Every structure is written in C-alpha cells, then in structure tokens.
Amino acid sequence: MGPSGELQRLRVTENPKIPRKVESLSGGEVPANEALHTLYDDHFDVYYLANVLASGAFGVRDKQRLVPTRWSITAVDDTVAKQIVSEIKDYPSINEISVHSNVYLDNRFEVLLLPGAWEFEQFEAWSPNTPWTKGQFEPVIAHEYEGHRGRKAYAFEEGGGYYAGRIAVAEHLRGIRRQARVVVFREVYDGYVVPLGVWQVRENVRQAMKNEPVKFQTLKEALSEIQKRLTIPLKSYLEKSVVLRQRRLSDFGFGSVESAI
C-alpha cells in the first residue's frame, strides 16, 4: 500500500461536524454493512460513506478498524450493490433490449441491457499504448461475470472497476424497478495516461444510464450498433462472454451468437 512511517504529530484544525444519523450508527453497536445500507438509503453518497468507513467508525466495537481508502471505496460499492441487487431480483424483467452509451476521459462505455433474470458481466479492454500496457501489441481484455446468485470471489481481473460499474447499473435498475441481464463494455484508449481511480468508472456508467438509450428488437441489431462504436471486434469479447453466448430465442432472430457479428 506504499511507504509507511511513524506518526509524530497530529493537529486538529477544525471541529468536524458529523451528521446525527452517522453518529448514531458509529458507536460500535451496529455492523458496518447495516450502517452502510441505512445511510445509503438516507441519501448519503458512496463517496462520503467510503470516507467514514476508512476512518474506522463503522462496525461493532471489537471489529472497528482503519481501512485503506482504496479498500473502503470498493467495500462500499460491493456492500451497497449487493443490497440493491437483492431488491431488484424481486422486480419484473425489462421487456426490450437497450444500449446505453457514454464517453469521458478517453474511456468508452457501452451498457447492454437484455430481458431476463439478473446477471452482470463487464469487459475492460485496454489499448496497447497506455502506460499500463506498454510492450503489448494487441488490446488487453479483462473479463468478470456474476450469475443470478452473485459471486463470492473478488474480481481480480478488474478490481474496483468491476464493483464501480456494477453499482451504477444496479442503481439504474432499482430506479426503474426492473431487473435485467447486463453486459458492460469498457474500452480504455491511449489518451488515458493518468490513473484517476474507479470513481470515473462509476460516474461514466451512471451517466451512460442517464443518457437516452437506443432500443432494439433483436440482440443482433444491438450488437451491430455497439460494434460501430467499439474499436475492438466483437468476436474478441464473445470468446470470453458468458451472457452473450447464451442462446435465447427471445434475444435473436437467428440461431447463434456468432451470426450477430
């Protein structure tokens, strides 16, 4: 986590003002996940919650710990999203195929929503010319997936970006009171040279979900439209995909996924 050292001096320069609701949940009597759920539903944003969690204020008394900020951000995204997903699983499915898009900071996001029970899949494709992919001659594609029952293992291929994307889509689905099968395509281009953290994934996807979607009759039409905006051939994604390789007559006007590209 970087260099460490012994703290020599600490000076409080102002009296911090803690909201009463937060103070009531940080006395060591309420589990951290319960506190996060309660405060999120009371409209405290995930950025504030991550800071409070990092300070060690949440959790039952013998489990309160200072948490590195990077870990607290992902912990909040994961904890809150799990609660939202548990709610949206009780909602009816969307009834049409749609694509939501956004581009910001040389990151492109295409979010494909398909009718069906909740599943979530995210691709993260990096141009070979970024500081993280020096020496690569082809794009590097990371992939993570969770089925309807969720996942237990950490998303090592994408790290915090996976959880940031998932919470943004889950928020949207809860807002429209629907569930869906979801595929997020993220392409990172060579203009993205400074690491900005997973907030830009979260806000990129949030904005994509706010933007007017394009709706389609078939998956073939949706994938054809997505391919126009992506720089990597869809075949490279399909080789890794779980959701897109499932064959459902309601999705296609044809017999296989491969005929969509």
C-alpha atoms as a PDB file:
ATOM      1  CA  MET A   1       0.000   0.000   0.000  1.00  0.00           C
ATOM      2  CA  GLY A   2       3.012   2.323  -0.312  1.00  0.00           C
ATOM      3  CA  PRO A   3       5.628   3.584   2.184  1.00  0.00           C
ATOM      4  CA  SER A   4       4.778   3.825   5.868  1.00  0.00           C
ATOM      5  CA  GLY A   5       6.141   5.727   8.837  1.00  0.00           C
ATOM      6  CA  GLU A   6       5.515   6.606  12.466  1.00  0.00           C
ATOM      7  CA  LEU A   7       3.103   9.483  13.112  1.00  0.00           C
ATOM      8  CA  GLN A   8       4.957  12.192  15.050  1.00  0.00           C
ATOM      9  CA  ARG A   9       2.316  14.893  15.389  1.00  0.00           C
ATOM     10  CA  LEU A  10      -1.398  15.283  14.709  1.00  0.00           C
ATOM     11  CA  ARG A  11      -3.258  18.574  14.954  1.00  0.00           C
ATOM     12  CA  VAL A  12      -7.000  19.056  14.515  1.00  0.00           C
ATOM     13  CA  THR A  13      -7.503  22.322  12.640  1.00  0.00           C
ATOM     14  CA  GLU A  14     -11.287  22.462  12.959  1.00  0.00           C
ATOM     15  CA  ASN A  15     -14.112  20.689  14.697  1.00  0.00           C
ATOM     16  CA  PRO A  16     -15.592  18.173  12.263  1.00  0.00           C
ATOM     17  CA  LYS A  17     -19.365  18.224  12.018  1.00  0.00           C
ATOM     18  CA  ILE A  18     -20.761  14.703  11.939  1.00  0.00           C
ATOM     19  CA  PRO A  19     -24.373  14.238  10.829  1.00  0.00           C
ATOM     20  CA  ARG A  20     -26.525  12.932  13.673  1.00  0.00           C
ATOM     21  CA  LYS A  21     -27.604   9.891  11.650  1.00  0.00           C
ATOM     22  CA  VAL A  22     -23.976   8.913  11.032  1.00  0.00           C
ATOM     23  CA  GLU A  23     -23.049   9.424  14.671  1.00  0.00           C
ATOM     24  CA  SER A  24     -25.906   7.190  15.815  1.00  0.00           C
ATOM     25  CA  LEU A  25     -24.585   4.333  13.662  1.00  0.00           C
ATOM     26  CA  SER A  26     -20.909   4.685  14.526  1.00  0.00           C
ATOM     27  CA  GLY A  27     -20.963   3.883  18.219  1.00  0.00           C
ATOM     28  CA  GLY A  28     -19.759   0.311  17.848  1.00  0.00           C
ATOM     29  CA  GLU A  29     -23.156  -1.352  18.183  1.00  0.00           C
ATOM     30  CA  VAL A  30     -24.223  -1.652  14.524  1.00  0.00           C
ATOM     31  CA  PRO A  31     -22.495  -3.910  11.942  1.00  0.00           C
ATOM     32  CA  ALA A  32     -20.771  -1.971   9.167  1.00  0.00           C
ATOM     33  CA  ASN A  33     -22.893  -3.390   6.355  1.00  0.00           C
ATOM     34  CA  GLU A  34     -26.108  -2.451   8.165  1.00  0.00           C
ATOM     35  CA  ALA A  35     -24.832   1.090   8.728  1.00  0.00           C
ATOM     36  CA  LEU A  36     -23.885   1.437   5.060  1.00  0.00           C
ATOM     37  CA  HIS A  37     -27.288   0.213   3.856  1.00  0.00           C
ATOM     38  CA  THR A  38     -29.138   2.566   6.201  1.00  0.00           C
ATOM     39  CA  LEU A  39     -27.119   5.649   5.318  1.00  0.00           C
ATOM     40  CA  TYR A  40     -27.155   4.969   1.584  1.00  0.00           C
ATOM     41  CA  ASP A  41     -30.944   4.705   1.688  1.00  0.00           C
ATOM     42  CA  ASP A  42     -30.929   8.022   3.572  1.00  0.00           C
ATOM     43  CA  HIS A  43     -29.158   9.570   0.550  1.00  0.00           C
ATOM     44  CA  PHE A  44     -25.588   9.668   1.847  1.00  0.00           C
ATOM     45  CA  ASP A  45     -23.467   9.164  -1.267  1.00  0.00           C
ATOM     46  CA  VAL A  46     -20.912   6.381  -1.663  1.00  0.00           C
ATOM     47  CA  TYR A  47     -18.009   8.839  -1.553  1.00  0.00           C
ATOM     48  CA  TYR A  48     -18.947  10.047   1.910  1.00  0.00           C
ATOM     49  CA  LEU A  49     -19.618   6.514   3.113  1.00  0.00           C
ATOM     50  CA  ALA A  50     -16.202   5.347   1.879  1.00  0.00           C
ATOM     51  CA  ASN A  51     -14.504   8.107   3.872  1.00  0.00           C
ATOM     52  CA  VAL A  52     -16.370   7.214   7.054  1.00  0.00           C
ATOM     53  CA  LEU A  53     -15.643   3.510   6.594  1.00  0.00           C
ATOM     54  CA  ALA A  54     -11.941   4.278   6.049  1.00  0.00           C
ATOM     55  CA  SER A  55     -11.864   6.158   9.353  1.00  0.00           C
ATOM     56  CA  GLY A  56     -12.836   3.005  11.248  1.00  0.00           C
ATOM     57  CA  ALA A  57     -16.087   4.481  12.536  1.00  0.00           C
ATOM     58  CA  PHE A  58     -18.375   1.695  11.296  1.00  0.00           C
ATOM     59  CA  GLY A  59     -18.730  -1.805  12.684  1.00  0.00           C
ATOM     60  CA  VAL A  60     -19.285  -3.449  16.034  1.00  0.00           C
ATOM     61  CA  ARG A  61     -16.812  -2.307  18.642  1.00  0.00           C
ATOM     62  CA  ASP A  62     -14.326  -5.190  18.517  1.00  0.00           C
ATOM     63  CA  LYS A  63     -14.225  -5.125  14.703  1.00  0.00           C
ATOM     64  CA  GLN A  64     -13.772  -1.406  14.058  1.00  0.00           C
ATOM     65  CA  ARG A  65     -10.602  -0.840  12.044  1.00  0.00           C
ATOM     66  CA  LEU A  66      -8.933   1.854   9.998  1.00  0.00           C
ATOM     67  CA  VAL A  67      -9.296   0.809   6.358  1.00  0.00           C
ATOM     68  CA  PRO A  68      -7.133   1.978   3.414  1.00  0.00           C
ATOM     69  CA  THR A  69      -9.214   4.333   1.271  1.00  0.00           C
ATOM     70  CA  ARG A  70      -8.811   2.177  -1.822  1.00  0.00           C
ATOM     71  CA  TRP A  71     -10.285  -0.792   0.029  1.00  0.00           C
ATOM     72  CA  SER A  72     -13.085   1.214   1.627  1.00  0.00           C
ATOM     73  CA  ILE A  73     -14.257   2.529  -1.768  1.00  0.00           C
ATOM     74  CA  THR A  74     -14.634  -0.973  -3.179  1.00  0.00           C
ATOM     75  CA  ALA A  75     -16.136  -2.284   0.067  1.00  0.00           C
ATOM     76  CA  VAL A  76     -18.869   0.360  -0.094  1.00  0.00           C
ATOM     77  CA  ASP A  77     -19.558  -0.279  -3.792  1.00  0.00           C
ATOM     78  CA  ASP A  78     -19.785  -4.017  -3.150  1.00  0.00           C
ATOM     79  CA  THR A  79     -21.854  -3.864   0.035  1.00  0.00           C
ATOM     80  CA  VAL A  80     -24.365  -1.339  -1.268  1.00  0.00           C
ATOM     81  CA  ALA A  81     -24.709  -3.037  -4.666  1.00  0.00           C
ATOM     82  CA  LYS A  82     -25.432  -6.423  -3.078  1.00  0.00           C
ATOM     83  CA  GLN A  83     -28.317  -4.885  -1.169  1.00  0.00           C
ATOM     84  CA  ILE A  84     -29.670  -3.179  -4.303  1.00  0.00           C
ATOM     85  CA  VAL A  85     -29.353  -6.372  -6.354  1.00  0.00           C
ATOM     86  CA  SER A  86     -31.249  -8.341  -3.710  1.00  0.00           C
ATOM     87  CA  GLU A  87     -34.088  -5.849  -4.193  1.00  0.00           C
ATOM     88  CA  ILE A  88     -34.131  -5.777  -7.989  1.00  0.00           C
ATOM     89  CA  LYS A  89     -34.293  -9.581  -8.154  1.00  0.00           C
ATOM     90  CA  ASP A  90     -37.893  -9.208  -6.963  1.00  0.00           C
ATOM     91  CA  TYR A  91     -38.763  -6.850  -9.820  1.00  0.00           C
ATOM     92  CA  PRO A  92     -40.068  -7.957 -13.227  1.00  0.00           C
ATOM     93  CA  SER A  93     -37.639  -8.167 -16.128  1.00  0.00           C
ATOM     94  CA  ILE A  94     -37.245  -5.407 -18.679  1.00  0.00           C
ATOM     95  CA  ASN A  95     -39.143  -6.293 -21.845  1.00  0.00           C
ATOM     96  CA  GLU A  96     -36.889  -4.858 -24.544  1.00  0.00           C
ATOM     97  CA  ILE A  97     -33.214  -4.721 -25.487  1.00  0.00           C
ATOM     98  CA  SER A  98     -31.448  -1.392 -24.993  1.00  0.00           C
ATOM     99  CA  VAL A  99     -27.954   0.095 -25.190  1.00  0.00           C
ATOM    100  CA  HIS A 100     -26.753   2.993 -23.035  1.00  0.00           C
ATOM    101  CA  SER A 101     -23.533   4.811 -24.029  1.00  0.00           C
ATOM    102  CA  ASN A 102     -21.086   7.358 -22.647  1.00  0.00           C
ATOM    103  CA  VAL A 103     -17.542   8.545 -23.366  1.00  0.00           C
ATOM    104  CA  TYR A 104     -15.443  10.507 -20.879  1.00  0.00           C
ATOM    105  CA  LEU A 105     -11.714  10.847 -20.181  1.00  0.00           C
ATOM    106  CA  ASP A 106     -10.844   8.595 -23.133  1.00  0.00           C
ATOM    107  CA  ASN A 107     -12.956   5.787 -21.674  1.00  0.00           C
ATOM    108  CA  ARG A 108     -15.894   4.476 -23.683  1.00  0.00           C
ATOM    109  CA  PHE A 109     -18.743   2.582 -22.052  1.00  0.00           C
ATOM    110  CA  GLU A 110     -21.469   0.646 -23.831  1.00  0.00           C
ATOM    111  CA  VAL A 111     -24.042  -0.911 -21.486  1.00  0.00           C
ATOM    112  CA  LEU A 112     -26.251  -3.609 -22.993  1.00  0.00           C
ATOM    113  CA  LEU A 113     -29.456  -4.499 -21.137  1.00  0.00           C
ATOM    114  CA  LEU A 114     -31.224  -7.734 -22.071  1.00  0.00           C
ATOM    115  CA  PRO A 115     -34.524  -9.180 -20.806  1.00  0.00           C
ATOM    116  CA  GLY A 116     -34.130 -11.885 -18.188  1.00  0.00           C
ATOM    117  CA  ALA A 117     -33.142 -12.540 -14.592  1.00  0.00           C
ATOM    118  CA  TRP A 118     -30.256 -10.544 -13.140  1.00  0.00           C
ATOM    119  CA  GLU A 119     -26.771 -11.358 -14.415  1.00  0.00           C
ATOM    120  CA  PHE A 120     -23.844  -8.986 -14.708  1.00  0.00           C
ATOM    121  CA  GLU A 121     -20.823  -9.137 -16.965  1.00  0.00           C
ATOM    122  CA  GLN A 122     -18.170  -6.498 -17.555  1.00  0.00           C
ATOM    123  CA  PHE A 123     -15.339  -6.238 -20.058  1.00  0.00           C
ATOM    124  CA  GLU A 124     -12.384  -3.914 -19.613  1.00  0.00           C
ATOM    125  CA  ALA A 125     -10.298  -3.536 -22.781  1.00  0.00           C
ATOM    126  CA  TRP A 126      -7.075  -1.530 -22.711  1.00  0.00           C
ATOM    127  CA  SER A 127      -5.347  -0.059 -25.736  1.00  0.00           C
ATOM    128  CA  PRO A 128      -1.775  -1.376 -26.169  1.00  0.00           C
ATOM    129  CA  ASN A 129      -0.432   2.184 -25.926  1.00  0.00           C
ATOM    130  CA  THR A 130      -1.439   3.099 -22.372  1.00  0.00           C
ATOM    131  CA  PRO A 131       1.105   3.320 -19.506  1.00  0.00           C
ATOM    132  CA  TRP A 132      -0.372   0.052 -18.148  1.00  0.00           C
ATOM    133  CA  THR A 133       0.022  -1.900 -21.386  1.00  0.00           C
ATOM    134  CA  LYS A 134       3.471  -0.900 -22.603  1.00  0.00           C
ATOM    135  CA  GLY A 135       5.067  -3.648 -24.643  1.00  0.00           C
ATOM    136  CA  GLN A 136       1.706  -5.072 -25.705  1.00  0.00           C
ATOM    137  CA  PHE A 137       0.886  -5.233 -29.405  1.00  0.00           C
ATOM    138  CA  GLU A 138      -2.793  -6.105 -29.017  1.00  0.00           C
ATOM    139  CA  PRO A 139      -5.527  -4.762 -26.715  1.00  0.00           C
ATOM    140  CA  VAL A 140      -5.663  -6.420 -23.297  1.00  0.00           C
ATOM    141  CA  ILE A 141      -9.186  -7.556 -22.369  1.00  0.00           C
ATOM    142  CA  ALA A 142     -10.145  -8.295 -18.760  1.00  0.00           C
ATOM    143  CA  HIS A 143     -13.457 -10.016 -18.023  1.00  0.00           C
ATOM    144  CA  GLU A 144     -15.588 -10.603 -14.940  1.00  0.00           C
ATOM    145  CA  TYR A 145     -19.028 -12.182 -14.524  1.00  0.00           C
ATOM    146  CA  GLU A 146     -21.583 -12.986 -11.863  1.00  0.00           C
ATOM    147  CA  GLY A 147     -24.712 -15.081 -12.210  1.00  0.00           C
ATOM    148  CA  HIS A 148     -28.088 -14.632 -10.587  1.00  0.00           C
ATOM    149  CA  ARG A 149     -26.779 -15.923  -7.250  1.00  0.00           C
ATOM    150  CA  GLY A 150     -23.945 -13.415  -7.204  1.00  0.00           C
ATOM    151  CA  ARG A 151     -20.274 -14.126  -6.634  1.00  0.00           C
ATOM    152  CA  LYS A 152     -18.058 -14.860  -3.647  1.00  0.00           C
ATOM    153  CA  ALA A 153     -14.586 -14.429  -5.145  1.00  0.00           C
ATOM    154  CA  TYR A 154     -13.028 -10.993  -5.565  1.00  0.00           C
ATOM    155  CA  ALA A 155     -12.979  -9.663  -9.148  1.00  0.00           C
ATOM    156  CA  PHE A 156      -9.194  -9.792  -9.502  1.00  0.00           C
ATOM    157  CA  GLU A 157      -9.087  -9.183 -13.264  1.00  0.00           C
ATOM    158  CA  GLU A 158     -10.764  -5.788 -12.986  1.00  0.00           C
ATOM    159  CA  GLY A 159     -10.526  -4.948  -9.305  1.00  0.00           C
ATOM    160  CA  GLY A 160     -12.534  -1.987  -8.056  1.00  0.00           C
ATOM    161  CA  GLY A 161     -13.654  -1.022 -11.553  1.00  0.00           C
ATOM    162  CA  TYR A 162     -15.935  -4.056 -11.657  1.00  0.00           C
ATOM    163  CA  TYR A 163     -17.742  -3.077  -8.463  1.00  0.00           C
ATOM    164  CA  ALA A 164     -17.983   0.576  -9.532  1.00  0.00           C
ATOM    165  CA  GLY A 165     -19.652  -0.421 -12.798  1.00  0.00           C
ATOM    166  CA  ARG A 166     -21.994  -2.877 -11.106  1.00  0.00           C
ATOM    167  CA  ILE A 167     -23.337  -0.421  -8.539  1.00  0.00           C
ATOM    168  CA  ALA A 168     -24.034   2.180 -11.235  1.00  0.00           C
ATOM    169  CA  VAL A 169     -26.143  -0.259 -13.273  1.00  0.00           C
ATOM    170  CA  ALA A 170     -27.872  -1.632 -10.170  1.00  0.00           C
ATOM    171  CA  GLU A 171     -28.868   1.897  -9.123  1.00  0.00           C
ATOM    172  CA  HIS A 172     -30.478   2.450 -12.513  1.00  0.00           C
ATOM    173  CA  LEU A 173     -32.414  -0.813 -12.422  1.00  0.00           C
ATOM    174  CA  ARG A 174     -33.705  -0.122  -8.931  1.00  0.00           C
ATOM    175  CA  GLY A 175     -34.776   3.316 -10.130  1.00  0.00           C
ATOM    176  CA  ILE A 176     -36.926   1.814 -12.898  1.00  0.00           C
ATOM    177  CA  ARG A 177     -37.955  -1.156 -10.719  1.00  0.00           C
ATOM    178  CA  ARG A 178     -36.761  -3.772 -13.184  1.00  0.00           C
ATOM    179  CA  GLN A 179     -34.090  -6.477 -13.440  1.00  0.00           C
ATOM    180  CA  ALA A 180     -32.048  -7.433 -16.490  1.00  0.00           C
ATOM    181  CA  ARG A 181     -29.112  -9.330 -17.872  1.00  0.00           C
ATOM    182  CA  VAL A 182     -26.325  -6.780 -18.203  1.00  0.00           C
ATOM    183  CA  VAL A 183     -23.162  -6.596 -20.285  1.00  0.00           C
ATOM    184  CA  VAL A 184     -20.835  -3.610 -19.861  1.00  0.00           C
ATOM    185  CA  PHE A 185     -18.161  -2.936 -22.473  1.00  0.00           C
ATOM    186  CA  ARG A 186     -15.385  -0.594 -21.375  1.00  0.00           C
ATOM    187  CA  GLU A 187     -12.671   0.440 -23.821  1.00  0.00           C
ATOM    188  CA  VAL A 188      -9.726   2.451 -22.476  1.00  0.00           C
ATOM    189  CA  TYR A 189      -7.863   4.391 -25.148  1.00  0.00           C
ATOM    190  CA  ASP A 190      -4.280   5.601 -25.277  1.00  0.00           C
ATOM    191  CA  GLY A 191      -5.222   9.136 -24.217  1.00  0.00           C
ATOM    192  CA  TYR A 192      -5.936   7.833 -20.718  1.00  0.00           C
ATOM    193  CA  VAL A 193      -2.472   8.351 -19.270  1.00  0.00           C
ATOM    194  CA  VAL A 194      -3.109   9.316 -15.632  1.00  0.00           C
ATOM    195  CA  PRO A 195      -4.828   6.865 -13.241  1.00  0.00           C
ATOM    196  CA  LEU A 196      -7.916   8.595 -11.860  1.00  0.00           C
ATOM    197  CA  GLY A 197      -9.398   5.852  -9.717  1.00  0.00           C
ATOM    198  CA  VAL A 198     -12.603   3.890 -10.008  1.00  0.00           C
ATOM    199  CA  TRP A 199     -14.800   6.957  -9.499  1.00  0.00           C
ATOM    200  CA  GLN A 200     -14.565   7.652 -13.222  1.00  0.00           C
ATOM    201  CA  VAL A 201     -15.899   4.148 -13.971  1.00  0.00           C
ATOM    202  CA  ARG A 202     -18.799   4.699 -11.584  1.00  0.00           C
ATOM    203  CA  GLU A 203     -19.635   8.144 -12.955  1.00  0.00           C
ATOM    204  CA  ASN A 204     -19.135   7.112 -16.586  1.00  0.00           C
ATOM    205  CA  VAL A 205     -21.614   4.268 -16.187  1.00  0.00           C
ATOM    206  CA  ARG A 206     -24.007   6.397 -14.150  1.00  0.00           C
ATOM    207  CA  GLN A 207     -24.018   8.959 -16.945  1.00  0.00           C
ATOM    208  CA  ALA A 208     -24.484   6.244 -19.566  1.00  0.00           C
ATOM    209  CA  MET A 209     -27.582   5.045 -17.711  1.00  0.00           C
ATOM    210  CA  LYS A 210     -28.932   8.621 -17.605  1.00  0.00           C
ATOM    211  CA  ASN A 211     -28.384   9.113 -21.332  1.00  0.00           C
ATOM    212  CA  GLU A 212     -31.219   8.245 -23.700  1.00  0.00           C
ATOM    213  CA  PRO A 213     -30.841   4.570 -24.669  1.00  0.00           C
ATOM    214  CA  VAL A 214     -31.152   3.116 -28.144  1.00  0.00           C
ATOM    215  CA  LYS A 215     -33.696   0.277 -28.249  1.00  0.00           C
ATOM    216  CA  PHE A 216     -33.642  -2.795 -30.466  1.00  0.00           C
ATOM    217  CA  GLN A 217     -35.859  -5.685 -31.492  1.00  0.00           C
ATOM    218  CA  THR A 218     -33.058  -8.281 -31.518  1.00  0.00           C
ATOM    219  CA  LEU A 219     -29.659  -8.853 -29.969  1.00  0.00           C
ATOM    220  CA  LYS A 220     -28.200  -8.978 -33.465  1.00  0.00           C
ATOM    221  CA  GLU A 221     -29.260  -5.385 -34.082  1.00  0.00           C
ATOM    222  CA  ALA A 222     -27.954  -4.239 -30.690  1.00  0.00           C
ATOM    223  CA  LEU A 223     -24.541  -5.853 -31.141  1.00  0.00           C
ATOM    224  CA  SER A 224     -24.237  -4.440 -34.643  1.00  0.00           C
ATOM    225  CA  GLU A 225     -24.810  -0.949 -33.251  1.00  0.00           C
ATOM    226  CA  ILE A 226     -22.348  -1.482 -30.397  1.00  0.00           C
ATOM    227  CA  GLN A 227     -19.700  -2.693 -32.842  1.00  0.00           C
ATOM    228  CA  LYS A 228     -19.919   0.626 -34.707  1.00  0.00           C
ATOM    229  CA  ARG A 229     -18.713   2.441 -31.591  1.00  0.00           C
ATOM    230  CA  LEU A 230     -16.136  -0.043 -30.290  1.00  0.00           C
ATOM    231  CA  THR A 231     -12.643  -0.303 -31.750  1.00  0.00           C
ATOM    232  CA  ILE A 232     -12.149  -3.986 -30.902  1.00  0.00           C
ATOM    233  CA  PRO A 233     -14.009  -6.638 -32.941  1.00  0.00           C
ATOM    234  CA  LEU A 234     -16.947  -8.115 -31.028  1.00  0.00           C
ATOM    235  CA  LYS A 235     -15.557 -11.578 -31.668  1.00  0.00           C
ATOM    236  CA  SER A 236     -12.805 -10.837 -29.132  1.00  0.00           C
ATOM    237  CA  TYR A 237     -15.459 -10.195 -26.489  1.00  0.00           C
ATOM    238  CA  LEU A 238     -17.667 -13.116 -27.470  1.00  0.00           C
ATOM    239  CA  GLU A 239     -14.793 -15.539 -26.927  1.00  0.00           C
ATOM    240  CA  LYS A 240     -14.874 -14.605 -23.216  1.00  0.00           C
ATOM    241  CA  SER A 241     -18.551 -13.786 -22.714  1.00  0.00           C
ATOM    242  CA  VAL A 242     -20.953 -15.829 -20.621  1.00  0.00           C
ATOM    243  CA  VAL A 243     -24.113 -13.782 -21.153  1.00  0.00           C
ATOM    244  CA  LEU A 244     -23.698 -13.260 -24.890  1.00  0.00           C
ATOM    245  CA  ARG A 245     -23.034 -16.926 -25.581  1.00  0.00           C
ATOM    246  CA  GLN A 246     -26.309 -17.971 -24.005  1.00  0.00           C
ATOM    247  CA  ARG A 247     -28.814 -18.742 -26.723  1.00  0.00           C
ATOM    248  CA  ARG A 248     -32.313 -17.436 -26.164  1.00  0.00           C
ATOM    249  CA  LEU A 249     -34.908 -17.212 -28.907  1.00  0.00           C
ATOM    250  CA  SER A 250     -36.218 -14.023 -27.329  1.00  0.00           C
ATOM    251  CA  ASP A 251     -32.847 -12.356 -27.981  1.00  0.00           C
ATOM    252  CA  PHE A 252     -32.141 -13.465 -31.510  1.00  0.00           C
ATOM    253  CA  GLY A 253     -33.744 -13.641 -34.854  1.00  0.00           C
ATOM    254  CA  PHE A 254     -31.164 -16.306 -35.652  1.00  0.00           C
ATOM    255  CA  GLY A 255     -29.631 -19.476 -34.299  1.00  0.00           C
ATOM    256  CA  SER A 256     -26.317 -18.431 -32.740  1.00  0.00           C
ATOM    257  CA  VAL A 257     -24.446 -15.503 -31.265  1.00  0.00           C
ATOM    258  CA  GLU A 258     -21.740 -15.701 -33.912  1.00  0.00           C
ATOM    259  CA  SER A 259     -24.220 -14.691 -36.606  1.00  0.00           C
ATOM    260  CA  ALA A 260     -24.699 -11.363 -34.817  1.00  0.00           C
ATOM    261  CA  ILE A 261     -21.322 -10.042 -35.932  1.00  0.00           C
END
